[in-house]
Amino acid sequence: MNVQVIGGGMSVQYPIHMEIAGRVCVVIGGGRVAERKAHVLLQAGAHLIVIAPTLTNLLYQEASTGCFFWLAQPYEAGFLQRVRPFLVFCTADNRKVNRMAAEEARAAHALVNVADEPGLSDFFVPASIRRDRFLLTIGTGGLSPAFSRSLREQLEQAFPPAFGLWIERLSAIRQEMKEKLPTSDDRQAFWRMALSRDIMELVKAGRLNRAEVMIRHAIIDFRPKS
């Protein structure tokens, strides 16, 4: 089979939201960067191992309550080969250690993220806004995490917590629409019409009941083309 590659020059990252619940993930380092990585991994349900001689106060408290397994020592060669993790985050203060761990991670067929060295990373963790099941991510390919964080802070105002509840309501309506509008084209046409700016403003204001009423009125008024 011949595969044609479209385009050329610089490659781009593939955007993906990944399920890691129950998967073994390793964070090497115990500082502030490790703390941020660890918290997101724990939220996602990962089986987390942190390797570091010392931890931030918050990580130490969480390790003491069994939130994750803490190996209280510097990283030693060969550990990743034995554990075979899914994801590895290298955040140690020692670049030599990070590079050694990154090489071993790839040998163990793990995906690796190296703090402050985008060229050694298989993936990047974007800045994110999470509202229950609603997840919005902003990435710069590791070139400027500070810029991603700045954009996230601005967008947090545009997507308040009500959006998480709204997604749950839309999910239920979506199932109903599959029965009423059997074709994909009709469903797409309906949602383009129904998810108007007015409805989005109601959601931002937390007026979810009113927004749902307007959606259901739109269902009644919609005339499929097929």
N, C-alpha and C. Protein backbone atom coordinates (compact mmCIF):
# COMPACT_ATOMS: atom_id res chain seq x y z
N MET A 1 0.85 -1.19 0.00
CA MET A 1 0.00 0.00 0.00
C MET A 1 0.88 1.24 0.00
N ASN A 2 0.61 2.17 -0.91
CA ASN A 2 1.35 3.42 -0.98
C ASN A 2 0.61 4.49 -0.18
N VAL A 3 1.33 5.19 0.66
CA VAL A 3 0.76 6.26 1.46
C VAL A 3 1.34 7.58 1.01
N GLN A 4 0.49 8.50 0.61
CA GLN A 4 0.95 9.81 0.17
C GLN A 4 0.97 10.76 1.35
N VAL A 5 2.09 11.40 1.58
CA VAL A 5 2.21 12.39 2.65
C VAL A 5 1.91 13.75 2.06
N ILE A 6 0.91 14.42 2.61
CA ILE A 6 0.51 15.73 2.10
C ILE A 6 1.26 16.81 2.86
N GLY A 7 1.81 17.76 2.13
CA GLY A 7 2.54 18.84 2.77
C GLY A 7 3.99 18.46 2.97
N GLY A 8 4.73 19.31 3.62
CA GLY A 8 6.14 19.05 3.85
C GLY A 8 6.71 20.05 4.82
N GLY A 9 8.00 19.96 5.01
CA GLY A 9 8.63 20.89 5.93
C GLY A 9 8.41 20.48 7.37
N MET A 10 8.18 21.46 8.23
CA MET A 10 8.07 21.23 9.66
C MET A 10 6.83 20.40 9.99
N SER A 11 7.01 19.39 10.84
CA SER A 11 5.89 18.57 11.27
C SER A 11 5.10 19.30 12.35
N VAL A 12 3.87 18.87 12.55
CA VAL A 12 3.02 19.44 13.59
C VAL A 12 2.59 18.34 14.55
N GLN A 13 2.24 18.73 15.76
CA GLN A 13 1.79 17.73 16.73
C GLN A 13 0.35 17.31 16.45
N TYR A 14 0.05 16.08 16.84
CA TYR A 14 -1.30 15.55 16.70
C TYR A 14 -2.07 15.82 17.99
N PRO A 15 -3.17 16.57 17.94
CA PRO A 15 -3.93 16.86 19.16
C PRO A 15 -4.73 15.65 19.60
N ILE A 16 -4.67 15.34 20.89
CA ILE A 16 -5.35 14.14 21.38
C ILE A 16 -5.66 14.30 22.87
N HIS A 17 -6.85 13.84 23.27
CA HIS A 17 -7.19 13.73 24.69
C HIS A 17 -7.12 12.24 25.01
N MET A 18 -6.31 11.87 25.98
CA MET A 18 -5.95 10.47 26.19
C MET A 18 -6.50 9.92 27.51
N GLU A 19 -7.05 8.70 27.46
CA GLU A 19 -7.50 8.01 28.67
C GLU A 19 -6.29 7.31 29.31
N ILE A 20 -5.98 7.67 30.57
CA ILE A 20 -4.84 7.04 31.24
C ILE A 20 -5.24 6.44 32.59
N ALA A 21 -6.52 6.33 32.86
CA ALA A 21 -6.97 5.76 34.13
C ALA A 21 -6.41 4.35 34.30
N GLY A 22 -5.76 4.11 35.43
CA GLY A 22 -5.19 2.79 35.71
C GLY A 22 -3.86 2.51 35.05
N ARG A 23 -3.37 3.43 34.22
CA ARG A 23 -2.08 3.23 33.56
C ARG A 23 -0.96 3.73 34.46
N VAL A 24 0.19 3.04 34.40
CA VAL A 24 1.34 3.44 35.20
C VAL A 24 2.03 4.64 34.56
N CYS A 25 2.16 5.71 35.32
CA CYS A 25 2.85 6.92 34.86
C CYS A 25 3.90 7.29 35.90
N VAL A 26 5.06 7.74 35.43
CA VAL A 26 6.19 8.05 36.32
C VAL A 26 6.57 9.52 36.17
N VAL A 27 6.71 10.18 37.31
CA VAL A 27 7.25 11.54 37.35
C VAL A 27 8.60 11.49 38.05
N ILE A 28 9.63 11.97 37.37
CA ILE A 28 10.98 12.01 37.94
C ILE A 28 11.27 13.44 38.38
N GLY A 29 11.43 13.62 39.68
CA GLY A 29 11.59 14.96 40.25
C GLY A 29 10.48 15.23 41.24
N GLY A 30 10.75 16.11 42.20
CA GLY A 30 9.76 16.37 43.24
C GLY A 30 9.49 17.84 43.49
N GLY A 31 9.83 18.70 42.52
CA GLY A 31 9.64 20.14 42.68
C GLY A 31 8.29 20.63 42.21
N ARG A 32 8.20 21.94 41.96
CA ARG A 32 6.92 22.54 41.57
C ARG A 32 6.41 22.01 40.23
N VAL A 33 7.32 21.82 39.28
CA VAL A 33 6.89 21.28 37.98
C VAL A 33 6.34 19.88 38.16
N ALA A 34 7.03 19.06 38.94
CA ALA A 34 6.56 17.70 39.22
C ALA A 34 5.20 17.74 39.90
N GLU A 35 5.01 18.69 40.79
CA GLU A 35 3.74 18.83 41.50
C GLU A 35 2.60 19.07 40.52
N ARG A 36 2.81 19.98 39.56
CA ARG A 36 1.76 20.27 38.58
C ARG A 36 1.46 19.04 37.73
N LYS A 37 2.50 18.36 37.27
CA LYS A 37 2.29 17.16 36.45
C LYS A 37 1.54 16.10 37.25
N ALA A 38 1.95 15.89 38.50
CA ALA A 38 1.36 14.85 39.33
C ALA A 38 -0.12 15.09 39.56
N HIS A 39 -0.51 16.32 39.80
CA HIS A 39 -1.91 16.60 40.09
C HIS A 39 -2.81 16.31 38.90
N VAL A 40 -2.36 16.67 37.71
CA VAL A 40 -3.17 16.38 36.51
C VAL A 40 -3.26 14.87 36.28
N LEU A 41 -2.16 14.16 36.49
CA LEU A 41 -2.16 12.70 36.32
C LEU A 41 -3.10 12.04 37.32
N LEU A 42 -3.09 12.50 38.55
CA LEU A 42 -3.98 11.93 39.56
C LEU A 42 -5.44 12.22 39.24
N GLN A 43 -5.73 13.41 38.75
CA GLN A 43 -7.10 13.74 38.34
C GLN A 43 -7.59 12.80 37.25
N ALA A 44 -6.67 12.40 36.38
CA ALA A 44 -7.02 11.51 35.26
C ALA A 44 -7.04 10.04 35.66
N GLY A 45 -6.75 9.74 36.92
CA GLY A 45 -6.84 8.36 37.40
C GLY A 45 -5.62 7.50 37.16
N ALA A 46 -4.48 8.13 36.90
CA ALA A 46 -3.27 7.35 36.64
C ALA A 46 -2.77 6.66 37.90
N HIS A 47 -2.09 5.53 37.72
CA HIS A 47 -1.36 4.88 38.80
C HIS A 47 0.01 5.53 38.81
N LEU A 48 0.24 6.44 39.76
CA LEU A 48 1.38 7.35 39.71
C LEU A 48 2.53 6.91 40.60
N ILE A 49 3.73 6.99 40.04
CA ILE A 49 4.98 6.77 40.78
C ILE A 49 5.81 8.04 40.65
N VAL A 50 6.24 8.60 41.78
CA VAL A 50 7.11 9.77 41.78
C VAL A 50 8.47 9.36 42.33
N ILE A 51 9.52 9.67 41.57
CA ILE A 51 10.89 9.33 41.99
C ILE A 51 11.65 10.61 42.29
N ALA A 52 11.97 10.83 43.55
CA ALA A 52 12.70 12.03 43.96
C ALA A 52 13.14 11.88 45.40
N PRO A 53 14.33 12.38 45.75
CA PRO A 53 14.76 12.30 47.15
C PRO A 53 13.93 13.17 48.08
N THR A 54 13.40 14.28 47.57
CA THR A 54 12.54 15.17 48.36
C THR A 54 11.35 15.61 47.52
N LEU A 55 10.29 16.04 48.22
CA LEU A 55 9.07 16.50 47.55
C LEU A 55 8.68 17.87 48.07
N THR A 56 7.86 18.57 47.30
CA THR A 56 7.23 19.78 47.82
C THR A 56 6.35 19.39 49.01
N ASN A 57 6.00 20.35 49.83
CA ASN A 57 5.18 20.05 51.01
C ASN A 57 3.86 19.39 50.62
N LEU A 58 3.23 19.91 49.56
CA LEU A 58 1.94 19.36 49.15
C LEU A 58 2.08 17.93 48.63
N LEU A 59 3.09 17.68 47.81
CA LEU A 59 3.31 16.31 47.31
C LEU A 59 3.62 15.36 48.46
N TYR A 60 4.39 15.84 49.43
CA TYR A 60 4.73 14.99 50.58
C TYR A 60 3.47 14.60 51.35
N GLN A 61 2.57 15.56 51.55
CA GLN A 61 1.32 15.27 52.25
C GLN A 61 0.49 14.24 51.48
N GLU A 62 0.44 14.40 50.17
CA GLU A 62 -0.36 13.48 49.35
C GLU A 62 0.27 12.09 49.32
N ALA A 63 1.60 12.03 49.27
CA ALA A 63 2.28 10.73 49.31
C ALA A 63 2.01 10.04 50.65
N SER A 64 1.97 10.82 51.72
CA SER A 64 1.74 10.26 53.06
C SER A 64 0.36 9.65 53.20
N THR A 65 -0.60 10.14 52.42
CA THR A 65 -1.96 9.61 52.49
C THR A 65 -2.22 8.54 51.42
N GLY A 66 -1.18 8.18 50.67
CA GLY A 66 -1.31 7.09 49.71
C GLY A 66 -1.87 7.46 48.37
N CYS A 67 -1.85 8.76 48.03
CA CYS A 67 -2.37 9.17 46.72
C CYS A 67 -1.53 8.61 45.58
N PHE A 68 -0.24 8.42 45.84
CA PHE A 68 0.66 7.85 44.83
C PHE A 68 1.83 7.19 45.55
N PHE A 69 2.61 6.42 44.79
CA PHE A 69 3.78 5.76 45.36
C PHE A 69 4.99 6.66 45.20
N TRP A 70 5.68 6.91 46.30
CA TRP A 70 6.87 7.77 46.28
C TRP A 70 8.11 6.91 46.50
N LEU A 71 9.00 6.91 45.52
CA LEU A 71 10.30 6.27 45.65
C LEU A 71 11.29 7.36 46.06
N ALA A 72 11.62 7.39 47.35
CA ALA A 72 12.38 8.51 47.92
C ALA A 72 13.88 8.37 47.70
N GLN A 73 14.28 8.55 46.45
CA GLN A 73 15.69 8.47 46.08
C GLN A 73 15.88 9.11 44.72
N PRO A 74 17.11 9.45 44.35
CA PRO A 74 17.34 9.93 42.98
C PRO A 74 17.05 8.82 41.98
N TYR A 75 16.77 9.24 40.74
CA TYR A 75 16.52 8.23 39.71
C TYR A 75 17.76 7.39 39.47
N GLU A 76 17.55 6.08 39.35
CA GLU A 76 18.65 5.15 39.07
C GLU A 76 18.40 4.46 37.74
N ALA A 77 19.47 4.27 36.98
CA ALA A 77 19.37 3.63 35.67
C ALA A 77 18.72 2.25 35.80
N GLY A 78 17.85 1.95 34.84
CA GLY A 78 17.22 0.64 34.78
C GLY A 78 15.83 0.57 35.37
N PHE A 79 15.42 1.59 36.13
CA PHE A 79 14.11 1.53 36.79
C PHE A 79 12.98 1.47 35.78
N LEU A 80 13.02 2.32 34.77
CA LEU A 80 11.93 2.37 33.79
C LEU A 80 11.83 1.08 32.99
N GLN A 81 12.94 0.42 32.75
CA GLN A 81 12.90 -0.86 32.05
C GLN A 81 12.16 -1.90 32.87
N ARG A 82 12.28 -1.82 34.19
CA ARG A 82 11.60 -2.79 35.05
C ARG A 82 10.11 -2.48 35.19
N VAL A 83 9.78 -1.21 35.29
CA VAL A 83 8.38 -0.81 35.54
C VAL A 83 7.55 -0.78 34.27
N ARG A 84 8.16 -0.43 33.15
CA ARG A 84 7.47 -0.34 31.85
C ARG A 84 6.25 0.59 31.92
N PRO A 85 6.45 1.87 32.23
CA PRO A 85 5.31 2.79 32.36
C PRO A 85 4.74 3.18 31.00
N PHE A 86 3.59 3.83 31.05
CA PHE A 86 2.94 4.32 29.84
C PHE A 86 3.46 5.72 29.49
N LEU A 87 3.51 6.60 30.50
CA LEU A 87 4.02 7.96 30.31
C LEU A 87 5.11 8.24 31.34
N VAL A 88 6.11 9.02 30.92
CA VAL A 88 7.19 9.42 31.82
C VAL A 88 7.39 10.93 31.70
N PHE A 89 7.47 11.59 32.85
CA PHE A 89 7.71 13.03 32.91
C PHE A 89 9.03 13.27 33.63
N CYS A 90 9.99 13.85 32.92
CA CYS A 90 11.32 14.10 33.49
C CYS A 90 11.41 15.56 33.93
N THR A 91 11.35 15.79 35.24
CA THR A 91 11.34 17.16 35.75
C THR A 91 12.46 17.40 36.77
N ALA A 92 13.46 16.52 36.81
CA ALA A 92 14.55 16.66 37.78
C ALA A 92 15.36 17.93 37.49
N ASP A 93 16.02 18.44 38.52
CA ASP A 93 16.86 19.63 38.34
C ASP A 93 18.12 19.32 37.52
N ASN A 94 18.47 18.06 37.44
CA ASN A 94 19.69 17.62 36.76
C ASN A 94 19.36 17.23 35.31
N ARG A 95 19.85 17.99 34.34
CA ARG A 95 19.54 17.70 32.94
C ARG A 95 20.11 16.36 32.49
N LYS A 96 21.25 16.00 33.02
CA LYS A 96 21.85 14.72 32.67
C LYS A 96 20.94 13.57 33.08
N VAL A 97 20.36 13.68 34.26
CA VAL A 97 19.41 12.66 34.73
C VAL A 97 18.18 12.63 33.84
N ASN A 98 17.65 13.79 33.50
CA ASN A 98 16.47 13.85 32.63
C ASN A 98 16.74 13.19 31.28
N ARG A 99 17.89 13.46 30.71
CA ARG A 99 18.21 12.90 29.40
C ARG A 99 18.40 11.39 29.47
N MET A 100 19.04 10.92 30.53
CA MET A 100 19.21 9.48 30.71
C MET A 100 17.86 8.80 30.87
N ALA A 101 16.99 9.39 31.68
CA ALA A 101 15.67 8.81 31.90
C ALA A 101 14.83 8.83 30.63
N ALA A 102 14.95 9.90 29.84
CA ALA A 102 14.20 9.99 28.58
C ALA A 102 14.63 8.89 27.62
N GLU A 103 15.93 8.63 27.55
CA GLU A 103 16.43 7.57 26.68
C GLU A 103 15.93 6.20 27.14
N GLU A 104 15.94 5.98 28.45
CA GLU A 104 15.46 4.70 28.97
C GLU A 104 13.95 4.56 28.79
N ALA A 105 13.23 5.67 28.89
CA ALA A 105 11.78 5.63 28.69
C ALA A 105 11.44 5.15 27.28
N ARG A 106 12.14 5.68 26.30
CA ARG A 106 11.88 5.25 24.92
C ARG A 106 12.26 3.79 24.72
N ALA A 107 13.35 3.37 25.35
CA ALA A 107 13.74 1.95 25.24
C ALA A 107 12.69 1.05 25.86
N ALA A 108 11.95 1.59 26.84
CA ALA A 108 10.87 0.82 27.49
C ALA A 108 9.54 1.03 26.78
N HIS A 109 9.56 1.69 25.62
CA HIS A 109 8.36 1.96 24.80
C HIS A 109 7.35 2.84 25.53
N ALA A 110 7.86 3.76 26.37
CA ALA A 110 7.01 4.74 27.02
C ALA A 110 7.10 6.06 26.25
N LEU A 111 6.06 6.87 26.37
CA LEU A 111 6.10 8.23 25.83
C LEU A 111 6.66 9.14 26.90
N VAL A 112 7.51 10.09 26.49
CA VAL A 112 8.23 10.89 27.48
C VAL A 112 8.07 12.38 27.24
N ASN A 113 7.97 13.11 28.34
CA ASN A 113 7.95 14.57 28.32
C ASN A 113 9.10 15.06 29.19
N VAL A 114 9.97 15.89 28.61
CA VAL A 114 11.13 16.40 29.34
C VAL A 114 10.95 17.89 29.56
N ALA A 115 10.90 18.30 30.83
CA ALA A 115 10.69 19.71 31.15
C ALA A 115 11.83 20.56 30.60
N ASP A 116 11.46 21.66 29.94
CA ASP A 116 12.42 22.65 29.43
C ASP A 116 13.27 22.17 28.26
N GLU A 117 12.99 20.97 27.73
CA GLU A 117 13.74 20.50 26.56
C GLU A 117 12.76 19.89 25.55
N PRO A 118 12.05 20.74 24.80
CA PRO A 118 11.05 20.25 23.85
C PRO A 118 11.60 19.24 22.85
N GLY A 119 12.86 19.41 22.46
CA GLY A 119 13.44 18.51 21.47
C GLY A 119 13.58 17.07 21.94
N LEU A 120 13.52 16.84 23.23
CA LEU A 120 13.63 15.48 23.77
C LEU A 120 12.27 14.88 24.11
N SER A 121 11.20 15.63 23.87
CA SER A 121 9.86 15.19 24.29
C SER A 121 9.08 14.55 23.15
N ASP A 122 8.33 13.50 23.49
CA ASP A 122 7.42 12.88 22.53
C ASP A 122 6.07 13.59 22.51
N PHE A 123 5.74 14.27 23.58
CA PHE A 123 4.45 14.96 23.67
C PHE A 123 4.60 16.15 24.61
N PHE A 124 3.62 17.04 24.54
CA PHE A 124 3.61 18.22 25.40
C PHE A 124 2.27 18.29 26.12
N VAL A 125 2.29 18.80 27.32
CA VAL A 125 1.06 18.93 28.10
C VAL A 125 0.55 20.36 27.95
N PRO A 126 -0.60 20.56 27.31
CA PRO A 126 -1.08 21.91 27.09
C PRO A 126 -1.67 22.51 28.36
N ALA A 127 -1.76 23.83 28.38
CA ALA A 127 -2.56 24.48 29.42
C ALA A 127 -4.01 24.08 29.19
N SER A 128 -4.78 23.94 30.26
CA SER A 128 -6.13 23.41 30.09
C SER A 128 -7.13 24.10 31.00
N ILE A 129 -8.38 24.10 30.53
CA ILE A 129 -9.52 24.55 31.31
C ILE A 129 -10.47 23.37 31.40
N ARG A 130 -10.73 22.90 32.60
CA ARG A 130 -11.60 21.73 32.78
C ARG A 130 -12.86 22.14 33.53
N ARG A 131 -13.98 21.83 32.90
CA ARG A 131 -15.29 22.03 33.51
C ARG A 131 -16.03 20.69 33.46
N ASP A 132 -15.76 19.83 34.43
CA ASP A 132 -16.29 18.46 34.42
C ASP A 132 -15.84 17.76 33.14
N ARG A 133 -16.78 17.38 32.27
CA ARG A 133 -16.42 16.66 31.04
C ARG A 133 -15.96 17.60 29.92
N PHE A 134 -16.18 18.88 30.09
CA PHE A 134 -15.74 19.87 29.10
C PHE A 134 -14.27 20.18 29.35
N LEU A 135 -13.44 19.96 28.34
CA LEU A 135 -12.01 20.18 28.47
C LEU A 135 -11.50 20.99 27.28
N LEU A 136 -10.93 22.14 27.56
CA LEU A 136 -10.37 23.01 26.53
C LEU A 136 -8.87 23.11 26.76
N THR A 137 -8.09 22.85 25.71
CA THR A 137 -6.63 22.87 25.87
C THR A 137 -5.99 23.88 24.92
N ILE A 138 -4.88 24.46 25.38
CA ILE A 138 -4.14 25.45 24.61
C ILE A 138 -2.67 25.07 24.63
N GLY A 139 -2.09 24.86 23.47
CA GLY A 139 -0.70 24.43 23.43
C GLY A 139 0.15 25.26 22.48
N THR A 140 1.45 25.30 22.77
CA THR A 140 2.40 26.00 21.91
C THR A 140 3.53 25.06 21.48
N GLY A 141 3.29 23.75 21.59
CA GLY A 141 4.33 22.79 21.21
C GLY A 141 5.56 22.87 22.09
N GLY A 142 5.38 23.31 23.32
CA GLY A 142 6.50 23.42 24.24
C GLY A 142 7.35 24.66 24.06
N LEU A 143 6.98 25.53 23.11
CA LEU A 143 7.81 26.70 22.82
C LEU A 143 7.62 27.81 23.85
N SER A 144 6.39 27.97 24.35
CA SER A 144 6.14 29.03 25.35
C SER A 144 5.01 28.62 26.28
N PRO A 145 5.28 27.79 27.27
CA PRO A 145 4.24 27.42 28.24
C PRO A 145 3.63 28.64 28.94
N ALA A 146 4.42 29.69 29.16
CA ALA A 146 3.89 30.88 29.82
C ALA A 146 2.80 31.54 28.99
N PHE A 147 2.96 31.54 27.66
CA PHE A 147 1.94 32.11 26.78
C PHE A 147 0.66 31.28 26.84
N SER A 148 0.81 29.95 26.88
CA SER A 148 -0.36 29.08 27.01
C SER A 148 -1.11 29.36 28.30
N ARG A 149 -0.36 29.52 29.39
CA ARG A 149 -1.00 29.79 30.68
C ARG A 149 -1.72 31.14 30.66
N SER A 150 -1.11 32.14 30.00
CA SER A 150 -1.75 33.45 29.91
C SER A 150 -3.07 33.37 29.15
N LEU A 151 -3.08 32.64 28.04
CA LEU A 151 -4.32 32.47 27.28
C LEU A 151 -5.36 31.73 28.10
N ARG A 152 -4.92 30.72 28.83
CA ARG A 152 -5.85 29.96 29.67
C ARG A 152 -6.54 30.88 30.68
N GLU A 153 -5.77 31.74 31.32
CA GLU A 153 -6.34 32.65 32.31
C GLU A 153 -7.38 33.57 31.69
N GLN A 154 -7.15 33.99 30.45
CA GLN A 154 -8.12 34.84 29.77
C GLN A 154 -9.38 34.06 29.40
N LEU A 155 -9.19 32.83 28.92
CA LEU A 155 -10.32 32.02 28.47
C LEU A 155 -11.15 31.47 29.62
N GLU A 156 -10.57 31.38 30.81
CA GLU A 156 -11.34 30.89 31.95
C GLU A 156 -12.56 31.76 32.22
N GLN A 157 -12.45 33.05 31.92
CA GLN A 157 -13.59 33.95 32.10
C GLN A 157 -14.68 33.68 31.07
N ALA A 158 -14.28 33.23 29.89
CA ALA A 158 -15.24 32.98 28.81
C ALA A 158 -15.95 31.64 28.97
N PHE A 159 -15.36 30.72 29.73
CA PHE A 159 -15.94 29.39 29.90
C PHE A 159 -16.08 29.08 31.39
N PRO A 160 -17.12 29.62 32.04
CA PRO A 160 -17.32 29.41 33.48
C PRO A 160 -17.73 27.97 33.77
N PRO A 161 -17.80 27.59 35.06
CA PRO A 161 -18.13 26.21 35.43
C PRO A 161 -19.45 25.69 34.86
N ALA A 162 -20.39 26.59 34.54
CA ALA A 162 -21.68 26.15 34.01
C ALA A 162 -21.53 25.35 32.72
N PHE A 163 -20.43 25.52 32.00
CA PHE A 163 -20.25 24.79 30.74
C PHE A 163 -20.16 23.29 30.98
N GLY A 164 -19.61 22.88 32.12
CA GLY A 164 -19.55 21.45 32.41
C GLY A 164 -20.94 20.85 32.56
N LEU A 165 -21.83 21.54 33.26
CA LEU A 165 -23.21 21.07 33.42
C LEU A 165 -23.96 21.11 32.09
N TRP A 166 -23.65 22.11 31.27
CA TRP A 166 -24.33 22.25 29.98
C TRP A 166 -23.97 21.10 29.04
N ILE A 167 -22.74 20.65 29.08
CA ILE A 167 -22.33 19.53 28.24
C ILE A 167 -23.14 18.28 28.58
N GLU A 168 -23.41 18.06 29.87
CA GLU A 168 -24.21 16.90 30.27
C GLU A 168 -25.62 16.99 29.69
N ARG A 169 -26.19 18.18 29.71
CA ARG A 169 -27.54 18.35 29.15
C ARG A 169 -27.53 18.14 27.63
N LEU A 170 -26.52 18.68 26.98
CA LEU A 170 -26.43 18.50 25.53
C LEU A 170 -26.28 17.03 25.16
N SER A 171 -25.59 16.27 25.98
CA SER A 171 -25.41 14.85 25.71
C SER A 171 -26.75 14.13 25.67
N ALA A 172 -27.63 14.46 26.62
CA ALA A 172 -28.95 13.83 26.65
C ALA A 172 -29.77 14.25 25.43
N ILE A 173 -29.72 15.53 25.07
CA ILE A 173 -30.47 16.01 23.90
C ILE A 173 -29.92 15.37 22.63
N ARG A 174 -28.62 15.19 22.58
CA ARG A 174 -27.99 14.58 21.40
C ARG A 174 -28.53 13.18 21.15
N GLN A 175 -28.73 12.41 22.21
CA GLN A 175 -29.28 11.07 22.04
C GLN A 175 -30.70 11.12 21.49
N GLU A 176 -31.49 12.09 21.95
CA GLU A 176 -32.85 12.26 21.43
C GLU A 176 -32.82 12.61 19.95
N MET A 177 -31.88 13.47 19.56
CA MET A 177 -31.81 13.92 18.18
C MET A 177 -31.43 12.78 17.23
N LYS A 178 -30.70 11.80 17.72
CA LYS A 178 -30.34 10.67 16.87
C LYS A 178 -31.58 9.90 16.43
N GLU A 179 -32.62 9.90 17.27
CA GLU A 179 -33.86 9.22 16.93
C GLU A 179 -34.74 10.08 16.03
N LYS A 180 -34.76 11.38 16.29
CA LYS A 180 -35.64 12.27 15.53
C LYS A 180 -35.05 12.66 14.18
N LEU A 181 -33.73 12.76 14.13
CA LEU A 181 -33.05 13.12 12.87
C LEU A 181 -32.06 12.03 12.53
N PRO A 182 -32.46 11.06 11.71
CA PRO A 182 -31.62 9.88 11.48
C PRO A 182 -30.36 10.13 10.66
N THR A 183 -30.30 11.23 9.89
CA THR A 183 -29.12 11.43 9.06
C THR A 183 -28.13 12.39 9.71
N SER A 184 -26.87 12.15 9.45
CA SER A 184 -25.82 13.00 10.02
C SER A 184 -25.92 14.43 9.51
N ASP A 185 -26.26 14.61 8.24
CA ASP A 185 -26.35 15.96 7.67
C ASP A 185 -27.43 16.78 8.37
N ASP A 186 -28.58 16.15 8.64
CA ASP A 186 -29.66 16.86 9.32
C ASP A 186 -29.27 17.23 10.75
N ARG A 187 -28.60 16.32 11.43
CA ARG A 187 -28.19 16.61 12.81
C ARG A 187 -27.18 17.76 12.85
N GLN A 188 -26.24 17.74 11.91
CA GLN A 188 -25.26 18.82 11.87
C GLN A 188 -25.93 20.16 11.57
N ALA A 189 -26.89 20.14 10.65
CA ALA A 189 -27.61 21.37 10.32
C ALA A 189 -28.38 21.89 11.53
N PHE A 190 -28.98 20.97 12.27
CA PHE A 190 -29.72 21.39 13.46
C PHE A 190 -28.81 22.04 14.49
N TRP A 191 -27.69 21.40 14.79
CA TRP A 191 -26.81 21.94 15.83
C TRP A 191 -26.20 23.28 15.42
N ARG A 192 -25.92 23.45 14.14
CA ARG A 192 -25.41 24.75 13.69
C ARG A 192 -26.44 25.85 13.94
N MET A 193 -27.71 25.51 13.76
CA MET A 193 -28.77 26.48 13.98
C MET A 193 -29.04 26.68 15.48
N ALA A 194 -29.05 25.57 16.22
CA ALA A 194 -29.50 25.62 17.61
C ALA A 194 -28.49 26.23 18.57
N LEU A 195 -27.21 25.96 18.34
CA LEU A 195 -26.19 26.47 19.27
C LEU A 195 -25.80 27.90 18.88
N SER A 196 -26.75 28.78 19.04
CA SER A 196 -26.56 30.17 18.63
C SER A 196 -25.81 30.97 19.69
N ARG A 197 -25.44 32.17 19.32
CA ARG A 197 -24.76 33.05 20.27
C ARG A 197 -25.65 33.34 21.48
N ASP A 198 -26.97 33.50 21.24
CA ASP A 198 -27.88 33.79 22.35
C ASP A 198 -27.87 32.67 23.38
N ILE A 199 -27.87 31.43 22.90
CA ILE A 199 -27.85 30.29 23.82
C ILE A 199 -26.53 30.24 24.58
N MET A 200 -25.44 30.49 23.90
CA MET A 200 -24.14 30.47 24.57
C MET A 200 -24.06 31.55 25.65
N GLU A 201 -24.68 32.70 25.41
CA GLU A 201 -24.69 33.76 26.42
C GLU A 201 -25.51 33.34 27.63
N LEU A 202 -26.59 32.61 27.41
CA LEU A 202 -27.39 32.10 28.53
C LEU A 202 -26.57 31.11 29.36
N VAL A 203 -25.84 30.26 28.68
CA VAL A 203 -25.01 29.27 29.38
C VAL A 203 -23.94 29.98 30.22
N LYS A 204 -23.28 30.97 29.64
CA LYS A 204 -22.26 31.71 30.38
C LYS A 204 -22.83 32.39 31.62
N ALA A 205 -24.10 32.79 31.53
CA ALA A 205 -24.76 33.44 32.66
C ALA A 205 -25.32 32.43 33.67
N GLY A 206 -25.17 31.14 33.36
CA GLY A 206 -25.67 30.11 34.26
C GLY A 206 -27.15 29.82 34.12
N ARG A 207 -27.79 30.35 33.09
CA ARG A 207 -29.24 30.15 32.89
C ARG A 207 -29.46 28.91 32.01
N LEU A 208 -29.12 27.76 32.56
CA LEU A 208 -29.15 26.52 31.78
C LEU A 208 -30.56 26.08 31.44
N ASN A 209 -31.50 26.27 32.36
CA ASN A 209 -32.88 25.86 32.09
C ASN A 209 -33.44 26.63 30.90
N ARG A 210 -33.21 27.93 30.87
CA ARG A 210 -33.69 28.74 29.75
C ARG A 210 -33.01 28.32 28.45
N ALA A 211 -31.73 28.05 28.50
CA ALA A 211 -31.01 27.62 27.30
C ALA A 211 -31.56 26.30 26.78
N GLU A 212 -31.88 25.39 27.69
CA GLU A 212 -32.43 24.10 27.25
C GLU A 212 -33.81 24.27 26.65
N VAL A 213 -34.62 25.15 27.21
CA VAL A 213 -35.95 25.42 26.64
C VAL A 213 -35.81 25.92 25.21
N MET A 214 -34.87 26.81 24.97
CA MET A 214 -34.67 27.33 23.61
C MET A 214 -34.22 26.24 22.66
N ILE A 215 -33.36 25.34 23.12
CA ILE A 215 -32.93 24.22 22.28
C ILE A 215 -34.12 23.35 21.92
N ARG A 216 -34.97 23.07 22.89
CA ARG A 216 -36.11 22.18 22.63
C ARG A 216 -37.15 22.85 21.73
N HIS A 217 -37.29 24.16 21.82
CA HIS A 217 -38.14 24.86 20.87
C HIS A 217 -37.56 24.76 19.46
N ALA A 218 -36.25 24.83 19.37
CA ALA A 218 -35.59 24.70 18.07
C ALA A 218 -35.82 23.32 17.47
N ILE A 219 -35.89 22.30 18.32
CA ILE A 219 -36.16 20.94 17.84
C ILE A 219 -37.53 20.88 17.18
N ILE A 220 -38.52 21.52 17.82
CA ILE A 220 -39.88 21.52 17.29
C ILE A 220 -39.95 22.26 15.96
N ASP A 221 -39.23 23.38 15.87
CA ASP A 221 -39.31 24.22 14.67
C ASP A 221 -38.45 23.72 13.52
N PHE A 222 -37.48 22.85 13.80
CA PHE A 222 -36.53 22.44 12.77
C PHE A 222 -37.20 21.57 11.71
N ARG A 223 -36.92 21.87 10.45
CA ARG A 223 -37.45 21.10 9.33
C ARG A 223 -36.28 20.45 8.58
N PRO A 224 -36.14 19.13 8.71
CA PRO A 224 -35.02 18.45 8.04
C PRO A 224 -35.13 18.55 6.53
N LYS A 225 -33.97 18.59 5.88
CA LYS A 225 -33.94 18.68 4.42
C LYS A 225 -34.08 17.32 3.76
N SER A 226 -33.68 16.26 4.50
CA SER A 226 -33.70 14.93 3.89
C SER A 226 -35.07 14.27 4.04
